[in-house]
Amino acid sequence: MSRRARGLASDWLLLAGAAGLLGSLFLTWSHQYSRSDLSLPGVHAALAGVPPDATAWQVYSAVDVLLAALAFAIAVCALVGRRLMKRIVLVAALGALAVCAHALAVPPTNGVGIVLRGSGPPHALSLAASSGAGETVGLAALAVSLAGLALARSAD
C-alpha cells in the first residue's frame, strides 16, 4: 500500500472513529434500575425526572464534554492533523479508552436511592446499574480511531 493510500485510509478511519465516538454519547450508557424494580407500584412517581436508560450526557457532568471534545479533535486530526497533534490525540484517545472500559465494567449511575413505602414493609430499589450500548460503541470507535492513528504514523 502506498504512502498516500495509507494516509487516505487513516483519515477515513479517524473520521469514522470520531463520528462513532460522538454518536456513542447519545446512546444508553447506563440502565439505572432493573426491570423488576421498575415494575413495582409507585416507582414511576418516585423516579420522576430520573432517566431509567441514561445517555452519557445524562450521567456525566464533565466526561461527556471531554469525550465530545476528543471526537472533535480526532476529526480535526483527520482533516489537518500534524504529527504533534496526532501524538496528543493518541494520548487522549488512550485515556478515553480507559474511561470507556471502566464505564463498561462499572456502569455510571446518578446515585439516586429510592425507598418505597406502602402498606407492606419498605422496599429499597437496588442501585444495580448495568451498562448500555454507549460504552461498547465508544470502545469500538476509539479502537477504529487508534487504528487510524497507527496507520497515519506508518504513512508519515
Protein backbone atom coordinates (compact mmCIF):
# COMPACT_ATOMS: atom_id res chain seq x y z
CA MET A 1 0.00 0.00 0.00
CA SER A 2 1.44 3.35 -0.98
CA ARG A 3 2.11 6.11 1.49
CA ARG A 4 -0.69 8.23 0.03
CA ALA A 5 -3.18 5.36 0.24
CA ARG A 6 -2.24 4.71 3.89
CA GLY A 7 -2.69 8.40 4.65
CA LEU A 8 -6.11 8.45 3.00
CA ALA A 9 -7.20 5.25 4.76
CA SER A 10 -6.06 6.64 8.12
CA ASP A 11 -8.06 9.83 7.54
CA TRP A 12 -11.22 7.82 6.85
CA LEU A 13 -10.64 5.65 9.91
CA LEU A 14 -10.19 8.75 12.04
CA LEU A 15 -13.38 10.33 10.69
CA ALA A 16 -15.34 7.11 11.28
CA GLY A 17 -13.95 6.84 14.80
CA ALA A 18 -14.80 10.47 15.57
CA ALA A 19 -18.37 10.02 14.32
CA GLY A 20 -18.76 6.79 16.29
CA LEU A 21 -17.42 8.33 19.49
CA LEU A 22 -19.70 11.34 19.23
CA GLY A 23 -22.67 9.10 18.38
CA SER A 24 -21.99 6.86 21.37
CA LEU A 25 -22.67 9.78 23.71
CA PHE A 26 -26.31 9.77 22.57
CA LEU A 27 -26.77 6.04 23.21
CA THR A 28 -27.66 4.44 26.56
CA TRP A 29 -24.62 4.31 28.85
CA SER A 30 -26.41 3.08 31.94
CA HIS A 31 -29.60 1.21 32.74
CA GLN A 32 -30.19 2.83 36.13
CA TYR A 33 -32.70 0.39 37.61
CA SER A 34 -33.62 -3.22 36.97
CA ARG A 35 -36.82 -4.11 35.14
CA SER A 36 -38.17 -5.75 38.30
CA ASP A 37 -37.66 -2.51 40.25
CA LEU A 38 -39.40 -0.52 37.53
CA SER A 39 -42.44 -2.80 37.72
CA LEU A 40 -43.11 -2.01 41.41
CA PRO A 41 -46.17 0.12 42.17
CA GLY A 42 -45.40 3.77 42.82
CA VAL A 43 -41.90 3.64 41.40
CA HIS A 44 -42.61 5.88 38.40
CA ALA A 45 -43.75 8.73 40.65
CA ALA A 46 -40.67 8.29 42.84
CA LEU A 47 -38.34 8.28 39.85
CA ALA A 48 -39.88 11.24 38.04
CA GLY A 49 -37.06 13.06 36.28
CA VAL A 50 -34.55 10.20 36.64
CA PRO A 51 -33.95 8.59 33.25
CA PRO A 52 -34.00 4.78 33.57
CA ASP A 53 -31.77 4.41 30.48
CA ALA A 54 -29.42 7.36 30.68
CA THR A 55 -27.14 8.60 27.92
CA ALA A 56 -23.62 9.83 28.59
CA TRP A 57 -24.99 13.38 28.56
CA GLN A 58 -27.34 12.48 31.43
CA VAL A 59 -24.95 10.60 33.74
CA TYR A 60 -21.76 12.61 33.34
CA SER A 61 -21.03 16.25 34.05
CA ALA A 62 -17.55 16.55 32.53
CA VAL A 63 -16.53 13.25 30.94
CA ASP A 64 -19.19 13.60 28.25
CA VAL A 65 -17.86 17.02 27.25
CA LEU A 66 -14.28 15.72 27.21
CA LEU A 67 -15.28 12.77 25.01
CA ALA A 68 -17.12 15.12 22.64
CA ALA A 69 -14.05 17.38 22.51
CA LEU A 70 -11.90 14.34 21.76
CA ALA A 71 -14.25 13.33 18.94
CA PHE A 72 -13.88 16.83 17.51
CA ALA A 73 -10.08 16.67 17.88
CA ILE A 74 -9.97 13.29 16.13
CA ALA A 75 -11.98 14.71 13.23
CA VAL A 76 -9.70 17.75 13.00
CA CYS A 77 -6.73 15.40 13.13
CA ALA A 78 -8.09 13.59 10.08
CA LEU A 79 -8.56 16.80 8.15
CA VAL A 80 -5.49 18.86 9.04
CA GLY A 81 -3.61 16.89 11.68
CA ARG A 82 0.12 17.22 12.04
CA ARG A 83 2.42 14.76 13.80
CA LEU A 84 2.37 16.60 17.12
CA MET A 85 -1.41 16.88 17.12
CA LYS A 86 -1.74 13.18 16.30
CA ARG A 87 0.54 12.30 19.22
CA ILE A 88 -1.54 14.43 21.60
CA VAL A 89 -4.78 12.88 20.29
CA LEU A 90 -3.23 9.42 20.66
CA VAL A 91 -2.57 10.00 24.37
CA ALA A 92 -6.07 11.43 24.86
CA ALA A 93 -7.64 8.51 22.98
CA LEU A 94 -5.81 6.01 25.19
CA GLY A 95 -7.14 7.84 28.26
CA ALA A 96 -10.65 7.80 26.81
CA LEU A 97 -10.29 4.09 26.10
CA ALA A 98 -9.59 3.56 29.80
CA VAL A 99 -12.63 5.68 30.74
CA CYS A 100 -14.94 3.71 28.44
CA ALA A 101 -13.57 0.38 29.65
CA HIS A 102 -14.13 1.46 33.25
CA ALA A 103 -17.68 2.61 32.44
CA LEU A 104 -18.35 -0.78 30.85
CA ALA A 105 -17.10 -2.60 33.96
CA VAL A 106 -18.66 -0.19 36.48
CA PRO A 107 -21.67 1.43 34.79
CA PRO A 108 -22.24 5.06 35.73
CA THR A 109 -25.23 5.89 37.88
CA ASN A 110 -26.73 9.08 39.20
CA GLY A 111 -26.79 7.52 42.66
CA VAL A 112 -30.45 8.21 43.36
CA GLY A 113 -31.61 5.90 46.15
CA ILE A 114 -35.35 5.28 46.48
CA VAL A 115 -37.22 3.58 49.31
CA LEU A 116 -40.84 2.80 48.54
CA ARG A 117 -43.23 2.78 51.48
CA GLY A 118 -46.65 1.34 51.14
CA SER A 119 -48.96 -0.95 53.02
CA GLY A 120 -46.17 -3.54 53.30
CA PRO A 121 -42.61 -3.23 54.51
CA PRO A 122 -40.44 -0.55 52.90
CA HIS A 123 -38.66 -1.69 49.76
CA ALA A 124 -35.35 -0.13 48.67
CA LEU A 125 -34.69 -0.11 44.96
CA SER A 126 -31.44 -1.75 44.05
CA LEU A 127 -28.80 0.50 42.54
CA ALA A 128 -27.60 -2.26 40.25
CA ALA A 129 -26.90 -0.19 37.17
CA SER A 130 -25.97 -2.14 34.07
CA SER A 131 -24.08 -0.88 31.06
CA GLY A 132 -25.72 0.06 27.81
CA ALA A 133 -24.63 0.16 24.20
CA GLY A 134 -22.89 3.53 24.54
CA GLU A 135 -19.76 2.19 26.22
CA THR A 136 -19.37 -0.60 23.66
CA VAL A 137 -19.83 1.75 20.71
CA GLY A 138 -17.42 4.22 22.32
CA LEU A 139 -14.79 1.50 22.76
CA ALA A 140 -15.21 0.36 19.16
CA ALA A 141 -14.98 3.93 17.87
CA LEU A 142 -11.83 4.54 19.88
CA ALA A 143 -10.33 1.30 18.54
CA VAL A 144 -11.04 2.49 14.99
CA SER A 145 -9.50 5.87 15.82
CA LEU A 146 -6.40 4.23 17.28
CA ALA A 147 -6.07 2.07 14.17
CA GLY A 148 -6.28 5.25 12.07
CA LEU A 149 -3.63 6.92 14.20
CA ALA A 150 -1.33 3.87 13.86
CA LEU A 151 -1.84 3.85 10.10
CA ALA A 152 -1.16 7.59 9.95
CA ARG A 153 2.08 7.04 11.83
CA SER A 154 3.18 4.46 9.25
CA ALA A 155 2.25 6.85 6.45
CA ASP A 156 4.36 9.70 7.88
